[in-house]
Amino acid sequence: MLPTDASPTGASSIDARALLAEPPMLCVSIHDVAPATWEECARLARAMRRDADIRLTWLVVPRYHGRASDEHAERAMRAGLDSALARGDELALHGYTHLDTGDQAASLGQRFLRGVYTRSEGEFAALAAAEARERIALGLEWFRQRDWPVSGFVPPAWLLGEDSWRVLPEFAFSYTTTFARFHLLRQGRSVFAPSLVYTARNRTGRALSPLAASAAALCMARAPLMRLSLHPPDVRHPHLIAHAQRLVERMLATREAVTKAECARRLLALPGTTA
């Protein structure tokens, strides 16, 4: 999915010249982590670590599609994510249900983006502030019950409505990411870093998205930060996984794989990004 990007009013970009003084970074994230998707997410992680034991960011959805968790699947996921944390990975809050239940969009473009292009998965695209606040609080409590640390929030389908943007600074998140940018929330600054992503749900997307990812990777080859975002359906298509493995192998030749939380810490250390 390639939704249009959004950012809060008044946000500023981090000076690219400062970023060039730092080692280039790669953030690999696994989206839509939940008991129902755990097996595929674990396979994605193993595939990405085929050639190097890189650190990953797991984007976890507490109540994926509003369904209660199967007890066996929940135990398997918890054990797997506990192990991931122990090896240095990061867990980030990825919405609460991953379903867009907000009011119907007024414009045709927004109706297409929210209802067709992202298949009504953009949970925070149109929530009122009170609802956004409640869902984030529920998600954080779910993390607390499992003794999992969390420093980042990534909205499903990378969509954040204006009210959700206003609510995010009320919480102790250090960062969020939209499709095109990595945002330091408390500093109101961001860096341009479009995510490389695959479209696995149809034949055309499976054919064209690797080409698009390769082209984007080439264009961003000198960028200080590159992001690769993987989704559970990707693992069902060996040619997509093989392509992702080749991308990671090439990127690791010139950059360091870090979690998003570590990326945020490094960005905060740059001149002019402190609160």
C-alpha atoms as a PDB file:
ATOM      1  CA  MET A   1       0.000   0.000   0.000  1.00  0.00           C
ATOM      2  CA  LEU A   2       1.300   3.454  -0.906  1.00  0.00           C
ATOM      3  CA  PRO A   3      -0.933   6.021   0.810  1.00  0.00           C
ATOM      4  CA  THR A   4      -0.348   9.714   0.444  1.00  0.00           C
ATOM      5  CA  ASP A   5       1.829  11.108   3.182  1.00  0.00           C
ATOM      6  CA  ALA A   6       0.699  13.475   5.882  1.00  0.00           C
ATOM      7  CA  SER A   7       2.477  15.517   8.523  1.00  0.00           C
ATOM      8  CA  PRO A   8       1.426  17.919  11.262  1.00  0.00           C
ATOM      9  CA  THR A   9       1.259  21.625  10.543  1.00  0.00           C
ATOM     10  CA  GLY A  10       4.501  23.352  11.405  1.00  0.00           C
ATOM     11  CA  ALA A  11       6.697  20.243  11.259  1.00  0.00           C
ATOM     12  CA  SER A  12      10.189  20.837   9.900  1.00  0.00           C
ATOM     13  CA  SER A  13      12.751  18.646   8.191  1.00  0.00           C
ATOM     14  CA  ILE A  14      16.029  17.590   9.750  1.00  0.00           C
ATOM     15  CA  ASP A  15      18.982  19.105   7.914  1.00  0.00           C
ATOM     16  CA  ALA A  16      20.308  16.470   5.506  1.00  0.00           C
ATOM     17  CA  ARG A  17      23.856  17.804   5.957  1.00  0.00           C
ATOM     18  CA  ALA A  18      23.768  16.825   9.635  1.00  0.00           C
ATOM     19  CA  LEU A  19      22.489  13.368   8.744  1.00  0.00           C
ATOM     20  CA  LEU A  20      25.368  12.789   6.349  1.00  0.00           C
ATOM     21  CA  ALA A  21      27.780  12.838   9.298  1.00  0.00           C
ATOM     22  CA  GLU A  22      26.129   9.707  10.724  1.00  0.00           C
ATOM     23  CA  PRO A  23      26.489   6.115   9.455  1.00  0.00           C
ATOM     24  CA  PRO A  24      23.676   5.380   6.962  1.00  0.00           C
ATOM     25  CA  MET A  25      20.827   3.399   8.515  1.00  0.00           C
ATOM     26  CA  LEU A  26      18.392   0.700   7.409  1.00  0.00           C
ATOM     27  CA  CYS A  27      15.158   0.010   9.288  1.00  0.00           C
ATOM     28  CA  VAL A  28      13.402  -3.269   8.466  1.00  0.00           C
ATOM     29  CA  SER A  29       9.932  -3.597   9.961  1.00  0.00           C
ATOM     30  CA  ILE A  30       7.341  -6.366  10.042  1.00  0.00           C
ATOM     31  CA  HIS A  31       3.802  -4.998  10.023  1.00  0.00           C
ATOM     32  CA  ASP A  32       0.482  -6.372  11.295  1.00  0.00           C
ATOM     33  CA  VAL A  33       1.951  -8.611  13.993  1.00  0.00           C
ATOM     34  CA  ALA A  34      -0.858 -10.409  15.837  1.00  0.00           C
ATOM     35  CA  PRO A  35      -1.721 -13.951  16.938  1.00  0.00           C
ATOM     36  CA  ALA A  36      -3.645 -14.502  13.692  1.00  0.00           C
ATOM     37  CA  THR A  37      -0.630 -13.508  11.587  1.00  0.00           C
ATOM     38  CA  TRP A  38       2.149 -14.730  13.836  1.00  0.00           C
ATOM     39  CA  GLU A  39       3.281 -17.731  11.818  1.00  0.00           C
ATOM     40  CA  GLU A  40       3.746 -15.644   8.670  1.00  0.00           C
ATOM     41  CA  CYS A  41       5.444 -12.830  10.601  1.00  0.00           C
ATOM     42  CA  ALA A  42       7.907 -15.293  12.137  1.00  0.00           C
ATOM     43  CA  ARG A  43       8.665 -16.667   8.666  1.00  0.00           C
ATOM     44  CA  LEU A  44       9.327 -13.133   7.434  1.00  0.00           C
ATOM     45  CA  ALA A  45      11.796 -12.566  10.257  1.00  0.00           C
ATOM     46  CA  ARG A  46      13.656 -15.793   9.506  1.00  0.00           C
ATOM     47  CA  ALA A  47      13.832 -14.877   5.818  1.00  0.00           C
ATOM     48  CA  MET A  48      15.218 -11.405   6.532  1.00  0.00           C
ATOM     49  CA  ARG A  49      17.865 -12.911   8.798  1.00  0.00           C
ATOM     50  CA  ARG A  50      18.979 -15.504   6.280  1.00  0.00           C
ATOM     51  CA  ASP A  51      22.320 -13.800   5.646  1.00  0.00           C
ATOM     52  CA  ALA A  52      22.706 -11.468   8.644  1.00  0.00           C
ATOM     53  CA  ASP A  53      21.317 -11.327  12.164  1.00  0.00           C
ATOM     54  CA  ILE A  54      19.782  -7.897  11.723  1.00  0.00           C
ATOM     55  CA  ARG A  55      17.621  -6.152  14.288  1.00  0.00           C
ATOM     56  CA  LEU A  56      13.976  -5.789  13.350  1.00  0.00           C
ATOM     57  CA  THR A  57      11.052  -3.629  14.405  1.00  0.00           C
ATOM     58  CA  TRP A  58       7.822  -5.597  14.935  1.00  0.00           C
ATOM     59  CA  LEU A  59       4.632  -3.544  14.493  1.00  0.00           C
ATOM     60  CA  VAL A  60       2.164  -5.173  16.870  1.00  0.00           C
ATOM     61  CA  VAL A  61      -1.643  -4.845  16.708  1.00  0.00           C
ATOM     62  CA  PRO A  62      -3.281  -5.648  20.085  1.00  0.00           C
ATOM     63  CA  ARG A  63      -6.743  -6.563  18.786  1.00  0.00           C
ATOM     64  CA  TYR A  64      -6.201  -7.259  15.105  1.00  0.00           C
ATOM     65  CA  HIS A  65      -9.419  -6.776  13.090  1.00  0.00           C
ATOM     66  CA  GLY A  66     -11.321  -6.643  16.380  1.00  0.00           C
ATOM     67  CA  ARG A  67     -10.991 -10.378  16.971  1.00  0.00           C
ATOM     68  CA  ALA A  68     -10.258 -12.031  20.285  1.00  0.00           C
ATOM     69  CA  SER A  69      -7.006 -13.973  20.230  1.00  0.00           C
ATOM     70  CA  ASP A  70      -6.760 -17.725  20.015  1.00  0.00           C
ATOM     71  CA  GLU A  71      -5.064 -18.779  23.264  1.00  0.00           C
ATOM     72  CA  HIS A  72      -2.522 -21.064  21.605  1.00  0.00           C
ATOM     73  CA  ALA A  73      -1.630 -18.464  18.959  1.00  0.00           C
ATOM     74  CA  GLU A  74      -1.370 -15.774  21.628  1.00  0.00           C
ATOM     75  CA  ARG A  75       1.102 -17.867  23.625  1.00  0.00           C
ATOM     76  CA  ALA A  76       3.184 -18.551  20.528  1.00  0.00           C
ATOM     77  CA  MET A  77       3.309 -14.872  19.628  1.00  0.00           C
ATOM     78  CA  ARG A  78       4.213 -13.796  23.164  1.00  0.00           C
ATOM     79  CA  ALA A  79       7.043 -16.312  23.359  1.00  0.00           C
ATOM     80  CA  GLY A  80       8.323 -15.245  19.946  1.00  0.00           C
ATOM     81  CA  LEU A  81       8.207 -11.530  20.746  1.00  0.00           C
ATOM     82  CA  ASP A  82       9.814 -12.051  24.157  1.00  0.00           C
ATOM     83  CA  SER A  83      12.667 -13.774  22.327  1.00  0.00           C
ATOM     84  CA  ALA A  84      12.789 -10.950  19.773  1.00  0.00           C
ATOM     85  CA  LEU A  85      13.186  -8.373  22.535  1.00  0.00           C
ATOM     86  CA  ALA A  86      15.915 -10.451  24.159  1.00  0.00           C
ATOM     87  CA  ARG A  87      17.958 -10.393  20.939  1.00  0.00           C
ATOM     88  CA  GLY A  88      17.658  -6.610  20.579  1.00  0.00           C
ATOM     89  CA  ASP A  89      14.584  -6.185  18.390  1.00  0.00           C
ATOM     90  CA  GLU A  90      11.927  -3.553  19.020  1.00  0.00           C
ATOM     91  CA  LEU A  91       8.153  -3.742  19.379  1.00  0.00           C
ATOM     92  CA  ALA A  92       6.072  -0.750  18.259  1.00  0.00           C
ATOM     93  CA  LEU A  93       2.352  -0.097  18.700  1.00  0.00           C
ATOM     94  CA  HIS A  94       0.609  -0.453  15.334  1.00  0.00           C
ATOM     95  CA  GLY A  95      -2.876   0.850  16.056  1.00  0.00           C
ATOM     96  CA  TYR A  96      -5.389  -1.147  18.076  1.00  0.00           C
ATOM     97  CA  THR A  97      -7.675  -2.978  15.610  1.00  0.00           C
ATOM     98  CA  HIS A  98      -6.117  -2.050  12.237  1.00  0.00           C
ATOM     99  CA  LEU A  99      -9.623  -1.273  10.923  1.00  0.00           C
ATOM    100  CA  ASP A 100     -10.911   2.098   9.673  1.00  0.00           C
ATOM    101  CA  THR A 101     -14.219   2.737  11.452  1.00  0.00           C
ATOM    102  CA  GLY A 102     -14.137   6.533  11.155  1.00  0.00           C
ATOM    103  CA  ASP A 103     -16.806   8.678   9.513  1.00  0.00           C
ATOM    104  CA  GLN A 104     -17.131   8.312   5.764  1.00  0.00           C
ATOM    105  CA  ALA A 105     -14.758  10.531   3.817  1.00  0.00           C
ATOM    106  CA  ALA A 106     -16.278  13.542   2.094  1.00  0.00           C
ATOM    107  CA  SER A 107     -14.037  13.591  -0.976  1.00  0.00           C
ATOM    108  CA  LEU A 108     -13.855  10.956  -3.686  1.00  0.00           C
ATOM    109  CA  GLY A 109     -10.078  10.770  -3.320  1.00  0.00           C
ATOM    110  CA  GLN A 110     -10.269  10.061   0.399  1.00  0.00           C
ATOM    111  CA  ARG A 111     -13.024   7.481  -0.109  1.00  0.00           C
ATOM    112  CA  PHE A 112     -10.812   5.694  -2.632  1.00  0.00           C
ATOM    113  CA  LEU A 113      -7.718   5.906  -0.402  1.00  0.00           C
ATOM    114  CA  ARG A 114      -9.460   4.706   2.748  1.00  0.00           C
ATOM    115  CA  GLY A 115     -11.985   2.267   1.318  1.00  0.00           C
ATOM    116  CA  VAL A 116     -10.369   0.797  -1.787  1.00  0.00           C
ATOM    117  CA  TYR A 117      -6.624   1.438  -1.851  1.00  0.00           C
ATOM    118  CA  THR A 118      -5.991   0.575   1.801  1.00  0.00           C
ATOM    119  CA  ARG A 119      -9.025  -1.730   2.081  1.00  0.00           C
ATOM    120  CA  SER A 120     -10.399   0.081   5.138  1.00  0.00           C
ATOM    121  CA  GLU A 121      -7.258  -0.722   7.151  1.00  0.00           C
ATOM    122  CA  GLY A 122      -6.285   2.893   7.963  1.00  0.00           C
ATOM    123  CA  GLU A 123      -7.578   2.843  11.523  1.00  0.00           C
ATOM    124  CA  PHE A 124      -6.421   6.351  12.485  1.00  0.00           C
ATOM    125  CA  ALA A 125      -7.275   8.066   9.191  1.00  0.00           C
ATOM    126  CA  ALA A 126     -10.446   9.757  10.438  1.00  0.00           C
ATOM    127  CA  LEU A 127     -10.879   9.125  14.158  1.00  0.00           C
ATOM    128  CA  ALA A 128     -12.050  11.887  16.472  1.00  0.00           C
ATOM    129  CA  ALA A 129      -9.491  12.881  19.088  1.00  0.00           C
ATOM    130  CA  ALA A 130     -11.284  11.141  21.961  1.00  0.00           C
ATOM    131  CA  GLU A 131     -11.489   7.840  20.069  1.00  0.00           C
ATOM    132  CA  ALA A 132      -7.867   8.042  18.925  1.00  0.00           C
ATOM    133  CA  ARG A 133      -6.778   8.766  22.488  1.00  0.00           C
ATOM    134  CA  GLU A 134      -8.774   5.834  23.858  1.00  0.00           C
ATOM    135  CA  ARG A 135      -7.421   3.337  21.325  1.00  0.00           C
ATOM    136  CA  ILE A 136      -3.833   4.361  21.909  1.00  0.00           C
ATOM    137  CA  ALA A 137      -4.329   4.125  25.671  1.00  0.00           C
ATOM    138  CA  LEU A 138      -5.850   0.654  25.303  1.00  0.00           C
ATOM    139  CA  GLY A 139      -2.946  -0.431  23.151  1.00  0.00           C
ATOM    140  CA  LEU A 140      -0.385   0.857  25.627  1.00  0.00           C
ATOM    141  CA  GLU A 141      -2.155  -0.903  28.490  1.00  0.00           C
ATOM    142  CA  TRP A 142      -2.090  -4.135  26.466  1.00  0.00           C
ATOM    143  CA  PHE A 143       1.679  -3.711  26.060  1.00  0.00           C
ATOM    144  CA  ARG A 144       2.065  -2.941  29.800  1.00  0.00           C
ATOM    145  CA  GLN A 145       0.245  -6.134  30.752  1.00  0.00           C
ATOM    146  CA  ARG A 146       2.859  -8.092  28.803  1.00  0.00           C
ATOM    147  CA  ASP A 147       5.822  -6.121  30.193  1.00  0.00           C
ATOM    148  CA  TRP A 148       6.772  -4.979  26.704  1.00  0.00           C
ATOM    149  CA  PRO A 149       8.492  -1.606  26.284  1.00  0.00           C
ATOM    150  CA  VAL A 150       7.191   0.677  23.567  1.00  0.00           C
ATOM    151  CA  SER A 151       8.644   3.917  22.238  1.00  0.00           C
ATOM    152  CA  GLY A 152       7.048   4.169  18.802  1.00  0.00           C
ATOM    153  CA  PHE A 153       3.607   4.364  17.219  1.00  0.00           C
ATOM    154  CA  VAL A 154       3.069   3.481  13.555  1.00  0.00           C
ATOM    155  CA  PRO A 155      -0.488   4.031  12.265  1.00  0.00           C
ATOM    156  CA  PRO A 156      -2.047   1.254  10.169  1.00  0.00           C
ATOM    157  CA  ALA A 157      -1.651   1.987   6.450  1.00  0.00           C
ATOM    158  CA  TRP A 158       0.520   4.960   7.538  1.00  0.00           C
ATOM    159  CA  LEU A 159      -2.616   7.135   7.720  1.00  0.00           C
ATOM    160  CA  LEU A 160      -3.051   9.734  10.472  1.00  0.00           C
ATOM    161  CA  GLY A 161      -5.926  12.185  10.526  1.00  0.00           C
ATOM    162  CA  GLU A 162      -5.580  15.683  11.983  1.00  0.00           C
ATOM    163  CA  ASP A 163      -7.128  14.718  15.326  1.00  0.00           C
ATOM    164  CA  SER A 164      -4.819  11.734  15.685  1.00  0.00           C
ATOM    165  CA  TRP A 165      -1.802  13.938  14.969  1.00  0.00           C
ATOM    166  CA  ARG A 166      -2.901  16.265  17.781  1.00  0.00           C
ATOM    167  CA  VAL A 167      -3.337  13.379  20.222  1.00  0.00           C
ATOM    168  CA  LEU A 168       0.014  11.631  19.667  1.00  0.00           C
ATOM    169  CA  PRO A 169       2.135  14.166  21.634  1.00  0.00           C
ATOM    170  CA  GLU A 170       0.038  13.401  24.739  1.00  0.00           C
ATOM    171  CA  PHE A 171       1.786  10.032  24.942  1.00  0.00           C
ATOM    172  CA  ALA A 172       5.437   9.179  25.569  1.00  0.00           C
ATOM    173  CA  PHE A 173       6.201   8.010  22.018  1.00  0.00           C
ATOM    174  CA  SER A 174       9.500   9.212  20.651  1.00  0.00           C
ATOM    175  CA  TYR A 175       8.580   8.704  16.995  1.00  0.00           C
ATOM    176  CA  THR A 176       5.981   7.825  14.414  1.00  0.00           C
ATOM    177  CA  THR A 177       6.364   6.999  10.733  1.00  0.00           C
ATOM    178  CA  THR A 178       4.219   7.877   7.766  1.00  0.00           C
ATOM    179  CA  PHE A 179       4.790   6.413   4.327  1.00  0.00           C
ATOM    180  CA  ALA A 180       7.363   9.009   3.295  1.00  0.00           C
ATOM    181  CA  ARG A 181       8.799  10.357   6.556  1.00  0.00           C
ATOM    182  CA  PHE A 182      10.278   9.398   9.929  1.00  0.00           C
ATOM    183  CA  HIS A 183       8.907  11.813  12.566  1.00  0.00           C
ATOM    184  CA  LEU A 184      10.420  12.773  15.915  1.00  0.00           C
ATOM    185  CA  LEU A 185       7.216  13.564  17.768  1.00  0.00           C
ATOM    186  CA  ARG A 186       8.363  15.679  20.695  1.00  0.00           C
ATOM    187  CA  GLN A 187      10.681  17.744  18.513  1.00  0.00           C
ATOM    188  CA  GLY A 188       8.207  18.257  15.658  1.00  0.00           C
ATOM    189  CA  ARG A 189      10.882  17.373  13.092  1.00  0.00           C
ATOM    190  CA  SER A 190      11.195  14.658  10.470  1.00  0.00           C
ATOM    191  CA  VAL A 191      13.429  13.129   7.834  1.00  0.00           C
ATOM    192  CA  PHE A 192      12.403  12.127   4.313  1.00  0.00           C
ATOM    193  CA  ALA A 193      12.634   8.323   4.111  1.00  0.00           C
ATOM    194  CA  PRO A 194       9.987   6.680   1.886  1.00  0.00           C
ATOM    195  CA  SER A 195       9.363   3.059   2.748  1.00  0.00           C
ATOM    196  CA  LEU A 196      10.085   0.284   0.281  1.00  0.00           C
ATOM    197  CA  VAL A 197       7.030  -1.956   0.247  1.00  0.00           C
ATOM    198  CA  TYR A 198       5.414  -4.749  -1.767  1.00  0.00           C
ATOM    199  CA  THR A 199       1.847  -5.182  -2.976  1.00  0.00           C
ATOM    200  CA  ALA A 200       1.094  -8.878  -2.569  1.00  0.00           C
ATOM    201  CA  ARG A 201      -2.676  -8.900  -2.832  1.00  0.00           C
ATOM    202  CA  ASN A 202      -2.973  -8.996  -6.639  1.00  0.00           C
ATOM    203  CA  ARG A 203      -0.972 -10.229  -9.625  1.00  0.00           C
ATOM    204  CA  THR A 204      -0.227  -6.780 -10.986  1.00  0.00           C
ATOM    205  CA  GLY A 205       1.057  -5.572  -7.638  1.00  0.00           C
ATOM    206  CA  ARG A 206       3.204  -8.657  -7.204  1.00  0.00           C
ATOM    207  CA  ALA A 207       4.741  -8.058 -10.626  1.00  0.00           C
ATOM    208  CA  LEU A 208       5.271  -4.307 -10.401  1.00  0.00           C
ATOM    209  CA  SER A 209       6.031  -3.620  -6.733  1.00  0.00           C
ATOM    210  CA  PRO A 210       9.511  -5.270  -6.803  1.00  0.00           C
ATOM    211  CA  LEU A 211      10.387  -3.054  -9.771  1.00  0.00           C
ATOM    212  CA  ALA A 212       9.145  -0.004  -7.897  1.00  0.00           C
ATOM    213  CA  ALA A 213      11.070  -1.016  -4.773  1.00  0.00           C
ATOM    214  CA  SER A 214      14.272  -1.483  -6.783  1.00  0.00           C
ATOM    215  CA  ALA A 215      13.857   1.904  -8.450  1.00  0.00           C
ATOM    216  CA  ALA A 216      13.172   3.610  -5.124  1.00  0.00           C
ATOM    217  CA  ALA A 217      16.182   1.908  -3.530  1.00  0.00           C
ATOM    218  CA  LEU A 218      18.380   3.147  -6.382  1.00  0.00           C
ATOM    219  CA  CYS A 219      17.089   6.705  -5.993  1.00  0.00           C
ATOM    220  CA  MET A 220      17.625   6.587  -2.217  1.00  0.00           C
ATOM    221  CA  ALA A 221      21.022   4.889  -2.363  1.00  0.00           C
ATOM    222  CA  ARG A 222      22.794   7.921  -0.866  1.00  0.00           C
ATOM    223  CA  ALA A 223      20.037   8.702   1.643  1.00  0.00           C
ATOM    224  CA  PRO A 224      20.969   8.554   5.335  1.00  0.00           C
ATOM    225  CA  LEU A 225      17.937   6.389   6.161  1.00  0.00           C
ATOM    226  CA  MET A 226      16.208   3.657   4.167  1.00  0.00           C
ATOM    227  CA  ARG A 227      13.148   1.696   5.288  1.00  0.00           C
ATOM    228  CA  LEU A 228      11.837  -1.690   4.193  1.00  0.00           C
ATOM    229  CA  SER A 229       8.310  -2.590   5.316  1.00  0.00           C
ATOM    230  CA  LEU A 230       7.065  -6.171   5.092  1.00  0.00           C
ATOM    231  CA  HIS A 231       3.543  -7.522   5.562  1.00  0.00           C
ATOM    232  CA  PRO A 232       2.382 -11.082   6.341  1.00  0.00           C
ATOM    233  CA  PRO A 233       1.016 -11.804   2.817  1.00  0.00           C
ATOM    234  CA  ASP A 234       4.473 -11.075   1.342  1.00  0.00           C
ATOM    235  CA  VAL A 235       5.814 -14.364   2.669  1.00  0.00           C
ATOM    236  CA  ARG A 236       3.324 -16.345   0.546  1.00  0.00           C
ATOM    237  CA  HIS A 237       5.184 -15.305  -2.609  1.00  0.00           C
ATOM    238  CA  PRO A 238       8.780 -16.577  -2.806  1.00  0.00           C
ATOM    239  CA  HIS A 239       9.813 -14.101  -5.496  1.00  0.00           C
ATOM    240  CA  LEU A 240       8.884 -11.166  -3.244  1.00  0.00           C
ATOM    241  CA  ILE A 241      10.888 -12.589  -0.355  1.00  0.00           C
ATOM    242  CA  ALA A 242      13.858 -13.315  -2.618  1.00  0.00           C
ATOM    243  CA  HIS A 243      13.721  -9.731  -3.858  1.00  0.00           C
ATOM    244  CA  ALA A 244      13.580  -8.378  -0.294  1.00  0.00           C
ATOM    245  CA  GLN A 245      16.546 -10.544   0.684  1.00  0.00           C
ATOM    246  CA  ARG A 246      18.593  -9.181  -2.217  1.00  0.00           C
ATOM    247  CA  LEU A 247      17.642  -5.621  -1.285  1.00  0.00           C
ATOM    248  CA  VAL A 248      18.693  -6.129   2.327  1.00  0.00           C
ATOM    249  CA  GLU A 249      21.945  -7.781   1.291  1.00  0.00           C
ATOM    250  CA  ARG A 250      22.833  -4.849  -0.970  1.00  0.00           C
ATOM    251  CA  MET A 251      21.842  -2.226   1.601  1.00  0.00           C
ATOM    252  CA  LEU A 252      23.846  -3.885   4.381  1.00  0.00           C
ATOM    253  CA  ALA A 253      26.991  -3.397   2.303  1.00  0.00           C
ATOM    254  CA  THR A 254      26.813   0.348   2.963  1.00  0.00           C
ATOM    255  CA  ARG A 255      24.523   0.857   5.950  1.00  0.00           C
ATOM    256  CA  GLU A 256      23.730  -0.472   9.416  1.00  0.00           C
ATOM    257  CA  ALA A 257      20.438  -2.198  10.252  1.00  0.00           C
ATOM    258  CA  VAL A 258      18.866  -0.596  13.321  1.00  0.00           C
ATOM    259  CA  THR A 259      15.478  -0.599  14.997  1.00  0.00           C
ATOM    260  CA  LYS A 260      13.250   2.425  14.607  1.00  0.00           C
ATOM    261  CA  ALA A 261      13.794   3.282  18.270  1.00  0.00           C
ATOM    262  CA  GLU A 262      17.557   3.306  17.709  1.00  0.00           C
ATOM    263  CA  CYS A 263      17.060   5.410  14.589  1.00  0.00           C
ATOM    264  CA  ALA A 264      15.093   7.934  16.667  1.00  0.00           C
ATOM    265  CA  ARG A 265      17.870   8.037  19.278  1.00  0.00           C
ATOM    266  CA  ARG A 266      20.478   8.731  16.613  1.00  0.00           C
ATOM    267  CA  LEU A 267      18.381  11.432  15.013  1.00  0.00           C
ATOM    268  CA  LEU A 268      17.852  13.056  18.415  1.00  0.00           C
ATOM    269  CA  ALA A 269      21.617  13.245  18.891  1.00  0.00           C
ATOM    270  CA  LEU A 270      21.991  15.457  15.822  1.00  0.00           C
ATOM    271  CA  PRO A 271      22.442  19.231  16.273  1.00  0.00           C
ATOM    272  CA  GLY A 272      19.169  21.111  16.331  1.00  0.00           C
ATOM    273  CA  THR A 273      16.871  18.156  17.120  1.00  0.00           C
ATOM    274  CA  THR A 274      16.671  18.451  20.897  1.00  0.00           C
ATOM    275  CA  ALA A 275      13.432  19.591  22.499  1.00  0.00           C
END
